C-alpha atoms as a PDB file:
ATOM      1  CA  MET A   1      10.548 -21.977  19.795  1.00  0.00           C
ATOM      2  CA  LYS A   2       9.088 -20.193  22.822  1.00  0.00           C
ATOM      3  CA  GLU A   3      12.170 -17.993  23.037  1.00  0.00           C
ATOM      4  CA  THR A   4      11.832 -17.112  19.321  1.00  0.00           C
ATOM      5  CA  TYR A   5       8.143 -16.296  19.721  1.00  0.00           C
ATOM      6  CA  THR A   6       8.841 -14.073  22.687  1.00  0.00           C
ATOM      7  CA  ALA A   7      11.695 -12.296  20.889  1.00  0.00           C
ATOM      8  CA  LEU A   8       9.471 -11.616  17.869  1.00  0.00           C
ATOM      9  CA  ARG A   9       6.626 -10.263  20.004  1.00  0.00           C
ATOM     10  CA  GLU A  10       9.004  -7.995  21.915  1.00  0.00           C
ATOM     11  CA  PHE A  11      10.528  -6.774  18.665  1.00  0.00           C
ATOM     12  CA  GLY A  12       7.061  -5.925  17.285  1.00  0.00           C
ATOM     13  CA  ALA A  13       6.227  -4.003  20.448  1.00  0.00           C
ATOM     14  CA  ALA A  14       9.432  -1.984  20.350  1.00  0.00           C
ATOM     15  CA  PHE A  15       9.768  -1.383  16.614  1.00  0.00           C
ATOM     16  CA  LEU A  16       6.149  -0.918  15.489  1.00  0.00           C
ATOM     17  CA  GLY A  17       4.296  -0.158  18.725  1.00  0.00           C
ATOM     18  CA  PRO A  18       5.175   3.530  19.223  1.00  0.00           C
ATOM     19  CA  ALA A  19       4.619   4.459  15.554  1.00  0.00           C
ATOM     20  CA  LEU A  20       1.300   2.659  15.447  1.00  0.00           C
ATOM     21  CA  THR A  21       0.216   4.297  18.708  1.00  0.00           C
ATOM     22  CA  MET A  22       0.770   7.774  17.299  1.00  0.00           C
ATOM     23  CA  TYR A  23      -0.894   6.852  14.016  1.00  0.00           C
ATOM     24  CA  ALA A  24      -3.966   5.332  15.664  1.00  0.00           C
ATOM     25  CA  ARG A  25      -4.514   8.489  17.724  1.00  0.00           C
ATOM     26  CA  ALA A  26      -4.117  10.598  14.562  1.00  0.00           C
ATOM     27  CA  VAL A  27      -6.758   8.471  12.781  1.00  0.00           C
ATOM     28  CA  GLU A  28      -9.194   9.042  15.621  1.00  0.00           C
ATOM     29  CA  GLU A  29      -8.478  12.801  15.585  1.00  0.00           C
ATOM     30  CA  ASN A  30      -9.031  13.005  11.817  1.00  0.00           C
ATOM     31  CA  GLY A  31     -11.838  10.458  11.556  1.00  0.00           C
ATOM     32  CA  SER A  32     -14.778  12.550  12.663  1.00  0.00           C
ATOM     33  CA  GLY A  33     -17.618  12.086  10.155  1.00  0.00           C
ATOM     34  CA  ARG A  34     -15.432   9.997   7.873  1.00  0.00           C
ATOM     35  CA  LEU A  35     -15.263   6.338   6.913  1.00  0.00           C
ATOM     36  CA  PRO A  36     -11.737   5.018   7.716  1.00  0.00           C
ATOM     37  CA  VAL A  37     -10.624   2.956   4.706  1.00  0.00           C
ATOM     38  CA  CYS A  38      -7.501   0.860   5.317  1.00  0.00           C
ATOM     39  CA  LEU A  39      -5.698   0.399   2.034  1.00  0.00           C
ATOM     40  CA  ALA A  40      -3.646  -2.420   0.464  1.00  0.00           C
ATOM     41  CA  ARG A  41      -1.118  -4.633   2.177  1.00  0.00           C
ATOM     42  CA  GLU A  42      -0.187  -2.201   4.962  1.00  0.00           C
ATOM     43  CA  GLY A  43      -3.831  -1.402   5.555  1.00  0.00           C
ATOM     44  CA  TRP A  44      -4.494  -4.969   6.700  1.00  0.00           C
ATOM     45  CA  LEU A  45      -2.481  -4.366   9.910  1.00  0.00           C
ATOM     46  CA  ILE A  46      -3.974  -0.875  10.324  1.00  0.00           C
ATOM     47  CA  HIS A  47      -7.497  -2.327  10.092  1.00  0.00           C
ATOM     48  CA  LYS A  48      -6.689  -5.114  12.513  1.00  0.00           C
ATOM     49  CA  LEU A  49      -5.282  -2.577  14.976  1.00  0.00           C
ATOM     50  CA  LEU A  50      -8.117  -0.065  14.724  1.00  0.00           C
ATOM     51  CA  THR A  51     -10.757  -2.807  14.999  1.00  0.00           C
ATOM     52  CA  ARG A  52      -9.102  -4.100  18.190  1.00  0.00           C
ATOM     53  CA  LEU A  53      -8.885  -0.608  19.681  1.00  0.00           C
ATOM     54  CA  GLU A  54     -12.478   0.169  18.824  1.00  0.00           C
ATOM     55  CA  SER A  55     -13.697  -3.127  20.309  1.00  0.00           C
ATOM     56  CA  GLU A  56     -11.944  -2.331  23.602  1.00  0.00           C
ATOM     57  CA  GLY A  57     -13.367   1.206  23.711  1.00  0.00           C
ATOM     58  CA  LEU A  58      -9.923   2.815  23.351  1.00  0.00           C
ATOM     59  CA  VAL A  59     -10.881   4.810  20.240  1.00  0.00           C
ATOM     60  CA  GLU A  60     -14.194   5.993  18.853  1.00  0.00           C
ATOM     61  CA  PHE A  61     -15.225   6.366  15.235  1.00  0.00           C
ATOM     62  CA  ASP A  62     -18.464   7.605  13.699  1.00  0.00           C
ATOM     63  CA  HIS A  63     -18.111   4.754  11.223  1.00  0.00           C
ATOM     64  CA  SER A  64     -16.175   1.554  11.890  1.00  0.00           C
ATOM     65  CA  PRO A  65     -13.036   1.101   9.736  1.00  0.00           C
ATOM     66  CA  ILE A  66     -13.152  -1.085   6.673  1.00  0.00           C
ATOM     67  CA  TYR A  67     -10.363  -2.933   4.872  1.00  0.00           C
ATOM     68  CA  LEU A  68     -10.032  -2.348   1.115  1.00  0.00           C
ATOM     69  CA  LYS A  69      -8.113  -5.132  -0.623  1.00  0.00           C
ATOM     70  CA  VAL A  70      -6.525  -3.129  -3.443  1.00  0.00           C
ATOM     71  CA  SER A  71      -3.057  -2.336  -4.863  1.00  0.00           C
ATOM     72  CA  ARG A  72      -1.529  -0.002  -7.377  1.00  0.00           C
ATOM     73  CA  THR A  73      -1.218  -2.946  -9.767  1.00  0.00           C
ATOM     74  CA  LEU A  74      -4.929  -3.777  -9.512  1.00  0.00           C
ATOM     75  CA  LEU A  75      -5.988  -0.189 -10.023  1.00  0.00           C
ATOM     76  CA  PHE A  76      -3.562   0.407 -12.875  1.00  0.00           C
ATOM     77  CA  ARG A  77      -4.887  -2.776 -14.519  1.00  0.00           C
ATOM     78  CA  ALA A  78      -8.512  -1.727 -14.127  1.00  0.00           C
ATOM     79  CA  MET A  79      -7.844   1.641 -15.775  1.00  0.00           C
ATOM     80  CA  VAL A  80      -5.067   0.733 -18.218  1.00  0.00           C
ATOM     81  CA  GLY A  81      -7.257   1.632 -21.221  1.00  0.00           C
ATOM     82  CA  GLU A  82      -7.720   5.207 -20.008  1.00  0.00           C
ATOM     83  CA  PRO A  83      -4.819   7.341 -21.344  1.00  0.00           C
ATOM     84  CA  ASP A  84      -5.312  10.035 -18.717  1.00  0.00           C
ATOM     85  CA  ILE A  85      -4.021   7.721 -16.000  1.00  0.00           C
ATOM     86  CA  TRP A  86      -0.870   6.826 -17.869  1.00  0.00           C
ATOM     87  CA  PRO A  87       1.118   9.842 -16.545  1.00  0.00           C
ATOM     88  CA  LEU A  88       0.465   8.592 -13.002  1.00  0.00           C
ATOM     89  CA  ALA A  89       1.204   4.970 -13.942  1.00  0.00           C
ATOM     90  CA  MET A  90       4.515   5.984 -15.564  1.00  0.00           C
ATOM     91  CA  LYS A  91       5.819   8.124 -12.678  1.00  0.00           C
ATOM     92  CA  GLY A  92       7.526   5.395 -10.667  1.00  0.00           C
ATOM     93  CA  SER A  93      10.878   3.954 -11.657  1.00  0.00           C
ATOM     94  CA  PHE A  94      10.962   0.938 -13.947  1.00  0.00           C
ATOM     95  CA  SER A  95      13.472  -0.627 -16.309  1.00  0.00           C
ATOM     96  CA  GLY A  96      12.557  -3.340 -18.826  1.00  0.00           C
ATOM     97  CA  SER A  97      10.508  -4.127 -21.901  1.00  0.00           C
ATOM     98  CA  VAL A  98       6.918  -3.196 -22.751  1.00  0.00           C
ATOM     99  CA  LEU A  99       5.971  -6.798 -22.101  1.00  0.00           C
ATOM    100  CA  GLU A 100       7.523  -6.732 -18.660  1.00  0.00           C
ATOM    101  CA  LEU A 101       5.844  -3.405 -17.895  1.00  0.00           C
ATOM    102  CA  LEU A 102       2.369  -4.680 -18.722  1.00  0.00           C
ATOM    103  CA  MET A 103       2.926  -7.870 -16.700  1.00  0.00           C
ATOM    104  CA  LYS A 104       4.597  -6.403 -13.645  1.00  0.00           C
ATOM    105  CA  ARG A 105       3.023  -2.966 -13.261  1.00  0.00           C
ATOM    106  CA  PHE A 106      -0.405  -3.619 -14.784  1.00  0.00           C
ATOM    107  CA  GLY A 107      -0.900  -7.225 -13.661  1.00  0.00           C
ATOM    108  CA  PHE A 108      -1.370  -8.660 -17.167  1.00  0.00           C
ATOM    109  CA  GLN A 109      -0.720 -12.307 -17.961  1.00  0.00           C
ATOM    110  CA  MET A 110       1.451 -12.954 -20.993  1.00  0.00           C
ATOM    111  CA  HIS A 111      -1.400 -14.155 -23.241  1.00  0.00           C
ATOM    112  CA  GLU A 112      -3.386 -10.999 -22.400  1.00  0.00           C
ATOM    113  CA  VAL A 113      -0.513  -8.782 -23.512  1.00  0.00           C
ATOM    114  CA  PHE A 114      -0.176 -10.652 -26.829  1.00  0.00           C
ATOM    115  CA  ALA A 115      -3.922 -10.255 -27.353  1.00  0.00           C
ATOM    116  CA  CYS A 116      -3.701  -6.484 -27.068  1.00  0.00           C
ATOM    117  CA  LEU A 117      -0.366  -5.361 -28.521  1.00  0.00           C
ATOM    118  CA  PRO A 118       1.606  -6.183 -31.666  1.00  0.00           C
ATOM    119  CA  PRO A 119       4.593  -8.525 -31.067  1.00  0.00           C
ATOM    120  CA  GLU A 120       7.099  -5.995 -32.411  1.00  0.00           C
ATOM    121  CA  LEU A 121       6.122  -3.526 -29.677  1.00  0.00           C
ATOM    122  CA  LEU A 122       6.586  -5.961 -26.778  1.00  0.00           C
ATOM    123  CA  ASN A 123      10.371  -6.021 -26.934  1.00  0.00           C
ATOM    124  CA  PHE A 124      10.794  -2.274 -26.959  1.00  0.00           C
ATOM    125  CA  THR A 125      12.862  -1.325 -23.902  1.00  0.00           C
ATOM    126  CA  LEU A 126      12.083   1.590 -21.630  1.00  0.00           C
ATOM    127  CA  GLN A 127      13.277   3.442 -18.590  1.00  0.00           C
ATOM    128  CA  LEU A 128      10.716   5.138 -16.400  1.00  0.00           C
ATOM    129  CA  PRO A 129       9.961   7.853 -15.576  1.00  0.00           C
ATOM    130  CA  GLU A 130      12.316   9.206 -18.253  1.00  0.00           C
ATOM    131  CA  ASP A 131      10.443   7.530 -21.152  1.00  0.00           C
ATOM    132  CA  ALA A 132       6.948   8.143 -19.843  1.00  0.00           C
ATOM    133  CA  GLU A 133       5.800  10.278 -22.758  1.00  0.00           C
ATOM    134  CA  LYS A 134       7.281   7.870 -25.318  1.00  0.00           C
ATOM    135  CA  VAL A 135       5.628   4.824 -23.687  1.00  0.00           C
ATOM    136  CA  SER A 136       2.250   6.641 -23.627  1.00  0.00           C
ATOM    137  CA  GLU A 137       2.622   7.260 -27.357  1.00  0.00           C
ATOM    138  CA  TRP A 138       3.354   3.562 -27.925  1.00  0.00           C
ATOM    139  CA  LEU A 139       0.263   2.448 -25.999  1.00  0.00           C
ATOM    140  CA  ASP A 140      -2.187   5.114 -27.146  1.00  0.00           C
ATOM    141  CA  PRO A 141      -3.192   3.399 -30.441  1.00  0.00           C
ATOM    142  CA  HIS A 142      -4.036   0.210 -28.483  1.00  0.00           C
ATOM    143  CA  ALA A 143      -6.064   1.852 -25.700  1.00  0.00           C
ATOM    144  CA  GLU A 144      -9.378   0.426 -26.872  1.00  0.00           C
ATOM    145  CA  ARG A 145      -8.088  -3.163 -26.936  1.00  0.00           C
ATOM    146  CA  LEU A 146      -6.451  -2.711 -23.540  1.00  0.00           C
ATOM    147  CA  ASN A 147      -9.672  -1.334 -22.138  1.00  0.00           C
ATOM    148  CA  GLU A 148     -11.671  -4.284 -23.495  1.00  0.00           C
ATOM    149  CA  GLN A 149      -9.150  -6.764 -22.046  1.00  0.00           C
ATOM    150  CA  VAL A 150      -9.660  -5.496 -18.469  1.00  0.00           C
ATOM    151  CA  LYS A 151     -13.415  -4.922 -18.746  1.00  0.00           C
ATOM    152  CA  TYR A 152     -14.367  -7.590 -16.229  1.00  0.00           C
ATOM    153  CA  THR A 153     -11.677  -6.488 -13.790  1.00  0.00           C
ATOM    154  CA  ARG A 154     -13.035  -2.945 -13.875  1.00  0.00           C
ATOM    155  CA  LEU A 155     -16.647  -4.072 -13.418  1.00  0.00           C
ATOM    156  CA  ALA A 156     -15.720  -6.340 -10.492  1.00  0.00           C
ATOM    157  CA  LEU A 157     -13.662  -3.599  -8.843  1.00  0.00           C
ATOM    158  CA  LYS A 158     -16.539  -1.125  -9.047  1.00  0.00           C
ATOM    159  CA  GLU A 159     -18.843  -3.724  -7.550  1.00  0.00           C
ATOM    160  CA  TYR A 160     -16.365  -4.297  -4.750  1.00  0.00           C
ATOM    161  CA  PHE A 161     -16.233  -0.530  -4.088  1.00  0.00           C
ATOM    162  CA  SER A 162     -20.025  -0.393  -4.067  1.00  0.00           C
ATOM    163  CA  ARG A 163     -20.353  -3.239  -1.577  1.00  0.00           C
ATOM    164  CA  SER A 164     -17.758  -1.497   0.617  1.00  0.00           C
ATOM    165  CA  GLY A 165     -19.946   1.632   0.789  1.00  0.00           C
ATOM    166  CA  LEU A 166     -17.500   3.864  -1.104  1.00  0.00           C
ATOM    167  CA  TYR A 167     -20.139   5.339  -3.401  1.00  0.00           C
ATOM    168  CA  ASP A 168     -22.221   6.519  -0.452  1.00  0.00           C
ATOM    169  CA  ARG A 169     -22.099  10.293  -0.843  1.00  0.00           C
ATOM    170  CA  ASP A 170     -22.930  10.767   2.850  1.00  0.00           C
ATOM    171  CA  LEU A 171     -19.624   9.028   3.844  1.00  0.00           C
ATOM    172  CA  MET A 172     -16.323  10.809   3.134  1.00  0.00           C
ATOM    173  CA  PRO A 173     -13.595   8.151   2.752  1.00  0.00           C
ATOM    174  CA  LEU A 174     -10.478   8.678   4.905  1.00  0.00           C
ATOM    175  CA  MET A 175      -7.856   6.539   3.147  1.00  0.00           C
ATOM    176  CA  LEU A 176      -5.249   5.048   5.535  1.00  0.00           C
ATOM    177  CA  ASP A 177      -1.855   3.735   4.428  1.00  0.00           C
ATOM    178  CA  LEU A 178       1.863   3.872   5.188  1.00  0.00           C
ATOM    179  CA  GLY A 179       2.500   6.381   2.384  1.00  0.00           C
ATOM    180  CA  TYR A 180       3.794   8.121   0.404  1.00  0.00           C
ATOM    181  CA  SER A 181       2.498  10.058  -2.649  1.00  0.00           C
ATOM    182  CA  GLY A 182      -1.064   8.761  -2.362  1.00  0.00           C
ATOM    183  CA  THR A 183      -1.159   6.967  -5.691  1.00  0.00           C
ATOM    184  CA  ILE A 184      -3.836   4.462  -4.595  1.00  0.00           C
ATOM    185  CA  GLN A 185      -5.939   7.240  -3.106  1.00  0.00           C
ATOM    186  CA  LYS A 186      -5.676   9.314  -6.319  1.00  0.00           C
ATOM    187  CA  LEU A 187      -6.623   6.315  -8.462  1.00  0.00           C
ATOM    188  CA  CYS A 188      -9.613   5.597  -6.154  1.00  0.00           C
ATOM    189  CA  THR A 189     -10.584   9.281  -6.394  1.00  0.00           C
ATOM    190  CA  LYS A 190     -10.752   8.950 -10.168  1.00  0.00           C
ATOM    191  CA  LEU A 191     -12.550   5.629 -10.211  1.00  0.00           C
ATOM    192  CA  LEU A 192     -15.085   6.669  -7.547  1.00  0.00           C
ATOM    193  CA  GLU A 193     -15.525  10.163  -9.115  1.00  0.00           C
ATOM    194  CA  ARG A 194     -15.556  11.800  -5.692  1.00  0.00           C
ATOM    195  CA  ASP A 195     -13.367  13.731  -3.232  1.00  0.00           C
ATOM    196  CA  THR A 196     -11.273  11.713  -0.799  1.00  0.00           C
ATOM    197  CA  ASP A 197      -9.125  12.364   2.240  1.00  0.00           C
ATOM    198  CA  GLY A 198      -5.975  10.424   3.140  1.00  0.00           C
ATOM    199  CA  LEU A 199      -3.860  10.052   6.283  1.00  0.00           C
ATOM    200  CA  TYR A 200      -0.374   8.513   5.964  1.00  0.00           C
ATOM    201  CA  PHE A 201       2.665   7.844   8.066  1.00  0.00           C
ATOM    202  CA  ILE A 202       4.580  10.032   5.603  1.00  0.00           C
ATOM    203  CA  ALA A 203       3.006  12.182   2.862  1.00  0.00           C
ATOM    204  CA  THR A 204       5.548  13.245   0.264  1.00  0.00           C
ATOM    205  CA  GLN A 205       2.877  15.204  -1.609  1.00  0.00           C
ATOM    206  CA  ALA A 206       0.734  16.570   1.244  1.00  0.00           C
ATOM    207  CA  GLY A 207      -2.138  18.885   0.458  1.00  0.00           C
ATOM    208  CA  LYS A 208      -4.811  18.930  -2.230  1.00  0.00           C
ATOM    209  CA  THR A 209      -4.422  17.311  -5.676  1.00  0.00           C
ATOM    210  CA  GLU A 210      -7.011  17.737  -8.427  1.00  0.00           C
ATOM    211  CA  VAL A 211      -7.986  14.399 -10.038  1.00  0.00           C
ATOM    212  CA  ASN A 212     -10.434  14.655 -12.967  1.00  0.00           C
ATOM    213  CA  GLY A 213     -12.490  17.392 -11.320  1.00  0.00           C
ATOM    214  CA  HIS A 214     -12.320  15.917  -7.820  1.00  0.00           C
ATOM    215  CA  THR A 215      -9.909  16.505  -4.922  1.00  0.00           C
ATOM    216  CA  ALA A 216      -7.613  14.095  -3.143  1.00  0.00           C
ATOM    217  CA  THR A 217      -6.382  15.608   0.134  1.00  0.00           C
ATOM    218  CA  LEU A 218      -3.307  14.031   1.734  1.00  0.00           C
ATOM    219  CA  LYS A 219      -1.930  14.502   5.283  1.00  0.00           C
ATOM    220  CA  GLY A 220       1.144  12.955   6.907  1.00  0.00           C
ATOM    221  CA  VAL A 221       1.388  12.048  10.618  1.00  0.00           C
ATOM    222  CA  PHE A 222       5.175  11.963  11.014  1.00  0.00           C
ATOM    223  CA  ARG A 223       6.361  14.077   8.102  1.00  0.00           C
ATOM    224  CA  GLU A 224       4.920  16.014   5.139  1.00  0.00           C
ATOM    225  CA  GLY A 225       6.566  17.353   2.027  1.00  0.00           C
ATOM    226  CA  VAL A 226       9.808  15.431   2.376  1.00  0.00           C
ATOM    227  CA  GLU A 227      11.195  13.857  -0.788  1.00  0.00           C
ATOM    228  CA  TRP A 228      13.252  10.762  -1.510  1.00  0.00           C
ATOM    229  CA  LYS A 229      17.036  11.150  -1.304  1.00  0.00           C
ATOM    230  CA  GLU A 230      16.767  14.053   1.146  1.00  0.00           C
ATOM    231  CA  GLY A 231      18.180  11.985   4.018  1.00  0.00           C
ATOM    232  CA  TYR A 232      14.954  11.396   5.997  1.00  0.00           C
ATOM    233  CA  THR A 233      15.640   7.883   7.296  1.00  0.00           C
ATOM    234  CA  MET A 234      12.029   6.945   7.996  1.00  0.00           C
ATOM    235  CA  LEU A 235      11.299   7.472   4.293  1.00  0.00           C
ATOM    236  CA  GLU A 236      14.604   6.299   2.783  1.00  0.00           C
ATOM    237  CA  ARG A 237      14.454   2.996   4.729  1.00  0.00           C
ATOM    238  CA  SER A 238      10.672   2.669   4.895  1.00  0.00           C
ATOM    239  CA  LEU A 239      11.057  -0.756   3.299  1.00  0.00           C
ATOM    240  CA  TYR A 240      11.652  -2.044   6.838  1.00  0.00           C
ATOM    241  CA  PHE A 241       8.126  -1.018   7.725  1.00  0.00           C
ATOM    242  CA  GLU A 242       6.713  -2.304   4.434  1.00  0.00           C
ATOM    243  CA  CYS A 243       8.145  -5.811   4.925  1.00  0.00           C
ATOM    244  CA  LEU A 244       6.396  -6.189   8.284  1.00  0.00           C
ATOM    245  CA  MET A 245       3.208  -4.154   7.785  1.00  0.00           C
ATOM    246  CA  THR A 246       1.861  -6.599   5.260  1.00  0.00           C
ATOM    247  CA  ALA A 247      -1.171  -8.827   4.771  1.00  0.00           C
ATOM    248  CA  PRO A 248      -1.090 -12.629   4.844  1.00  0.00           C
ATOM    249  CA  HIS A 249      -2.358 -12.739   1.241  1.00  0.00           C
ATOM    250  CA  GLY A 250       0.340 -10.440  -0.145  1.00  0.00           C
ATOM    251  CA  GLN A 251      -0.406  -8.168  -3.105  1.00  0.00           C
ATOM    252  CA  VAL A 252      -3.708  -8.415  -4.972  1.00  0.00           C
ATOM    253  CA  VAL A 253      -3.320  -8.171  -8.762  1.00  0.00           C
ATOM    254  CA  ASP A 254      -6.795  -8.909 -10.144  1.00  0.00           C
ATOM    255  CA  ILE A 255     -10.449  -9.243  -9.169  1.00  0.00           C
ATOM    256  CA  LEU A 256     -13.327 -10.947 -10.970  1.00  0.00           C
ATOM    257  CA  GLU A 257     -16.997 -11.542 -10.123  1.00  0.00           C
ATOM    258  CA  THR A 258     -18.400 -15.046 -10.602  1.00  0.00           C
ATOM    259  CA  ASN A 259     -21.823 -15.757 -12.094  1.00  0.00           C
ATOM    260  CA  ASP A 260     -23.242 -16.204  -8.580  1.00  0.00           C
ATOM    261  CA  GLY A 261     -21.933 -12.837  -7.381  1.00  0.00           C
ATOM    262  CA  ASN A 262     -18.815 -13.873  -5.519  1.00  0.00           C
ATOM    263  CA  LEU A 263     -15.733 -11.682  -5.830  1.00  0.00           C
ATOM    264  CA  ILE A 264     -12.523 -13.596  -6.490  1.00  0.00           C
ATOM    265  CA  PHE A 265      -9.130 -12.021  -5.901  1.00  0.00           C
ATOM    266  CA  SER A 266      -5.850 -13.091  -7.538  1.00  0.00           C
ATOM    267  CA  HIS A 267      -2.542 -12.445  -5.850  1.00  0.00           C
ATOM    268  CA  GLY A 268       1.068 -11.875  -6.778  1.00  0.00           C
ATOM    269  CA  ARG A 269       4.121 -13.784  -5.609  1.00  0.00           C
ATOM    270  CA  GLU A 270       4.607 -14.678  -1.999  1.00  0.00           C
ATOM    271  CA  ALA A 271       7.258 -12.825  -0.062  1.00  0.00           C
ATOM    272  CA  SER A 272       8.911 -14.573   2.921  1.00  0.00           C
ATOM    273  CA  SER A 273       6.514 -12.729   5.252  1.00  0.00           C
ATOM    274  CA  GLN A 274       3.660 -14.676   3.597  1.00  0.00           C
ATOM    275  CA  ARG A 275       5.509 -18.014   3.600  1.00  0.00           C
ATOM    276  CA  TYR A 276       6.400 -17.672   7.271  1.00  0.00           C
ATOM    277  CA  TYR A 277       3.368 -15.782   8.359  1.00  0.00           C
ATOM    278  CA  GLN A 278       3.232 -17.457  11.766  1.00  0.00           C
ATOM    279  CA  ASP A 279       6.495 -15.620  12.611  1.00  0.00           C
ATOM    280  CA  LEU A 280       5.262 -12.300  11.245  1.00  0.00           C
ATOM    281  CA  GLU A 281       2.022 -12.718  13.149  1.00  0.00           C
ATOM    282  CA  ALA A 282       3.970 -12.877  16.420  1.00  0.00           C
ATOM    283  CA  ILE A 283       5.577  -9.502  15.573  1.00  0.00           C
ATOM    284  CA  LEU A 284       2.230  -7.943  14.636  1.00  0.00           C
ATOM    285  CA  ASP A 285       0.475  -9.314  17.716  1.00  0.00           C
ATOM    286  CA  GLY A 286       3.223  -7.863  19.874  1.00  0.00           C
ATOM    287  CA  ALA A 287       2.856  -4.488  18.136  1.00  0.00           C
ATOM    288  CA  ILE A 288      -0.916  -4.394  18.562  1.00  0.00           C
ATOM    289  CA  ASP A 289      -0.726  -5.434  22.215  1.00  0.00           C
ATOM    290  CA  ALA A 290       1.809  -2.662  22.780  1.00  0.00           C
ATOM    291  CA  VAL A 291      -0.593  -0.068  21.326  1.00  0.00           C
ATOM    292  CA  VAL A 292      -3.449  -1.389  23.448  1.00  0.00           C
ATOM    293  CA  ASP A 293      -1.248  -1.191  26.528  1.00  0.00           C
ATOM    294  CA  ALA A 294      -0.138   2.360  25.657  1.00  0.00           C
ATOM    295  CA  MET A 295      -3.758   3.438  25.160  1.00  0.00           C
ATOM    296  CA  HIS A 296      -4.883   1.893  28.454  1.00  0.00           C
ATOM    297  CA  LYS A 297      -2.025   3.626  30.320  1.00  0.00           C
ATOM    298  CA  ASP A 298      -2.287   6.897  28.377  1.00  0.00           C
ATOM    299  CA  ILE A 299       1.289   6.603  27.156  1.00  0.00           C
ATOM    300  CA  SER A 300       2.177   8.986  24.348  1.00  0.00           C
ATOM    301  CA  TYR A 301       5.166   9.443  22.058  1.00  0.00           C
ATOM    302  CA  THR A 302       6.616  12.375  20.135  1.00  0.00           C
ATOM    303  CA  THR A 303       7.443  12.277  16.457  1.00  0.00           C
ATOM    304  CA  LYS A 304      11.124  12.635  17.309  1.00  0.00           C
ATOM    305  CA  GLU A 305      10.977   9.626  19.642  1.00  0.00           C
ATOM    306  CA  VAL A 306       9.444   7.495  16.894  1.00  0.00           C
ATOM    307  CA  GLU A 307      11.938   8.737  14.303  1.00  0.00           C
ATOM    308  CA  ASP A 308      14.920   8.137  16.634  1.00  0.00           C
ATOM    309  CA  LEU A 309      13.687   4.616  17.376  1.00  0.00           C
ATOM    310  CA  PHE A 310      13.346   3.854  13.693  1.00  0.00           C
ATOM    311  CA  GLU A 311      16.822   5.222  13.102  1.00  0.00           C
ATOM    312  CA  VAL A 312      18.271   2.777  15.645  1.00  0.00           C
ATOM    313  CA  PHE A 313      16.475  -0.287  14.273  1.00  0.00           C
ATOM    314  CA  SER A 314      17.161   0.511  10.621  1.00  0.00           C
ATOM    315  CA  THR A 315      20.809   1.571  10.782  1.00  0.00           C
ATOM    316  CA  ARG A 316      22.540  -0.223  13.652  1.00  0.00           C
ATOM    317  CA  PRO A 317      23.774  -3.778  13.205  1.00  0.00           C
ATOM    318  CA  GLY A 318      22.346  -6.083  15.854  1.00  0.00           C
ATOM    319  CA  ALA A 319      19.242  -3.998  16.542  1.00  0.00           C
ATOM    320  CA  LEU A 320      16.993  -6.324  14.593  1.00  0.00           C
ATOM    321  CA  PRO A 321      16.682  -9.778  16.236  1.00  0.00           C
ATOM    322  CA  GLN A 322      18.133 -12.530  14.077  1.00  0.00           C
ATOM    323  CA  ALA A 323      14.850 -14.429  14.421  1.00  0.00           C
ATOM    324  CA  SER A 324      13.219 -11.753  12.262  1.00  0.00           C
ATOM    325  CA  TRP A 325      15.770 -11.494   9.433  1.00  0.00           C
ATOM    326  CA  HIS A 326      14.040 -14.013   7.154  1.00  0.00           C
ATOM    327  CA  LEU A 327      10.870 -11.854   7.094  1.00  0.00           C
ATOM    328  CA  PHE A 328      12.500  -8.861   5.461  1.00  0.00           C
ATOM    329  CA  THR A 329      11.573  -9.322   1.791  1.00  0.00           C
ATOM    330  CA  ALA A 330       8.952  -7.513  -0.258  1.00  0.00           C
ATOM    331  CA  ASP A 331       7.451  -7.894  -3.738  1.00  0.00           C
ATOM    332  CA  ASP A 332       8.632  -4.903  -5.824  1.00  0.00           C
ATOM    333  CA  ASP A 333       7.552  -6.225  -9.208  1.00  0.00           C
ATOM    334  CA  ILE A 334       5.772  -2.928  -9.883  1.00  0.00           C
ATOM    335  CA  SER A 335       9.204  -1.321 -10.261  1.00  0.00           C
ATOM    336  CA  GLY A 336      10.626  -4.312 -12.127  1.00  0.00           C
ATOM    337  CA  ASN A 337      12.886  -5.261  -9.205  1.00  0.00           C
ATOM    338  CA  GLY A 338      11.258  -8.571  -8.166  1.00  0.00           C
ATOM    339  CA  MET A 339      11.810  -9.460  -4.534  1.00  0.00           C
ATOM    340  CA  VAL A 340      13.818  -6.906  -2.563  1.00  0.00           C
ATOM    341  CA  ASN A 341      15.498  -7.259   0.823  1.00  0.00           C
ATOM    342  CA  PRO A 342      16.314  -4.138   2.897  1.00  0.00           C
ATOM    343  CA  LEU A 343      18.972  -6.028   4.821  1.00  0.00           C
ATOM    344  CA  GLN A 344      20.894  -6.494   1.593  1.00  0.00           C
ATOM    345  CA  ILE A 345      20.042  -3.074   0.094  1.00  0.00           C
ATOM    346  CA  PHE A 346      21.207  -1.154   3.168  1.00  0.00           C
ATOM    347  CA  GLY A 347      24.041  -3.495   4.072  1.00  0.00           C
ATOM    348  CA  TYR A 348      22.671  -4.552   7.437  1.00  0.00           C
END
């Protein structure tokens, strides 16, 4: 067991350490006057890292980072009754029925779907993004019922944002995440009705995007403007990062406020990284310690060094320690794919 623990820590230091070191320095450089907001599953590790660095005096922020427990599914659910968000919700790939779409992408339970939509519509099949316009036409007559169904989710989410300080007009949010097109940031921009900045490992749509009269500005640390299927390994095989940069609670799919003011989160299915979190924690602790060590010793990395390192780990058999293989699964229900495993997808 000790040998396994050591191997996992060393793997975390080698695989994640250099990338996180570059990213943490970029957050400090871009964080002046902003509130660093660590988003979703990947944001949990980013928040843990930045909090540790700040506590040891290795980075300085005008405002201490916060963790925002959100997901695309939660935000899509909260705004499902607003037709102007449907184009964004329909952009990602998905194959299945209307029932499956509402349950997997919008976080609905089966009884909620039947309460909002006629039974004959639920079995209609669709392929996204190709059928995006058609699906929007199917849902449009039922927007009011959908909006009423998620009323309490939306109210609780806005309360959560308020308690997190995101409505404070004196604080510009700097959204932090792995990547890529900034969907969560854009949805938050709409819900908050304010401008936001975002800093990602990779930003496929870098620059300014107008969202209902407000601006979401995205920047990438390692690469900007690259698209899927263009051969950029760090994007094409980013699932390796996603499987490890994840929170112990997995994906949040709903939020409600109790009568006494407590906020209760509901979560999706557990991936192996949640079931065996003690193993993943060894990897993440090794990664964070590596960043701390690099900061103390003023060690820096270039983008090419990080990219080359990722290329080795993600493409060469034997580079990933066998003790880590069981951790490489991720919940991809939002695309209708269920649990996905990069080792199987990429033939490791």
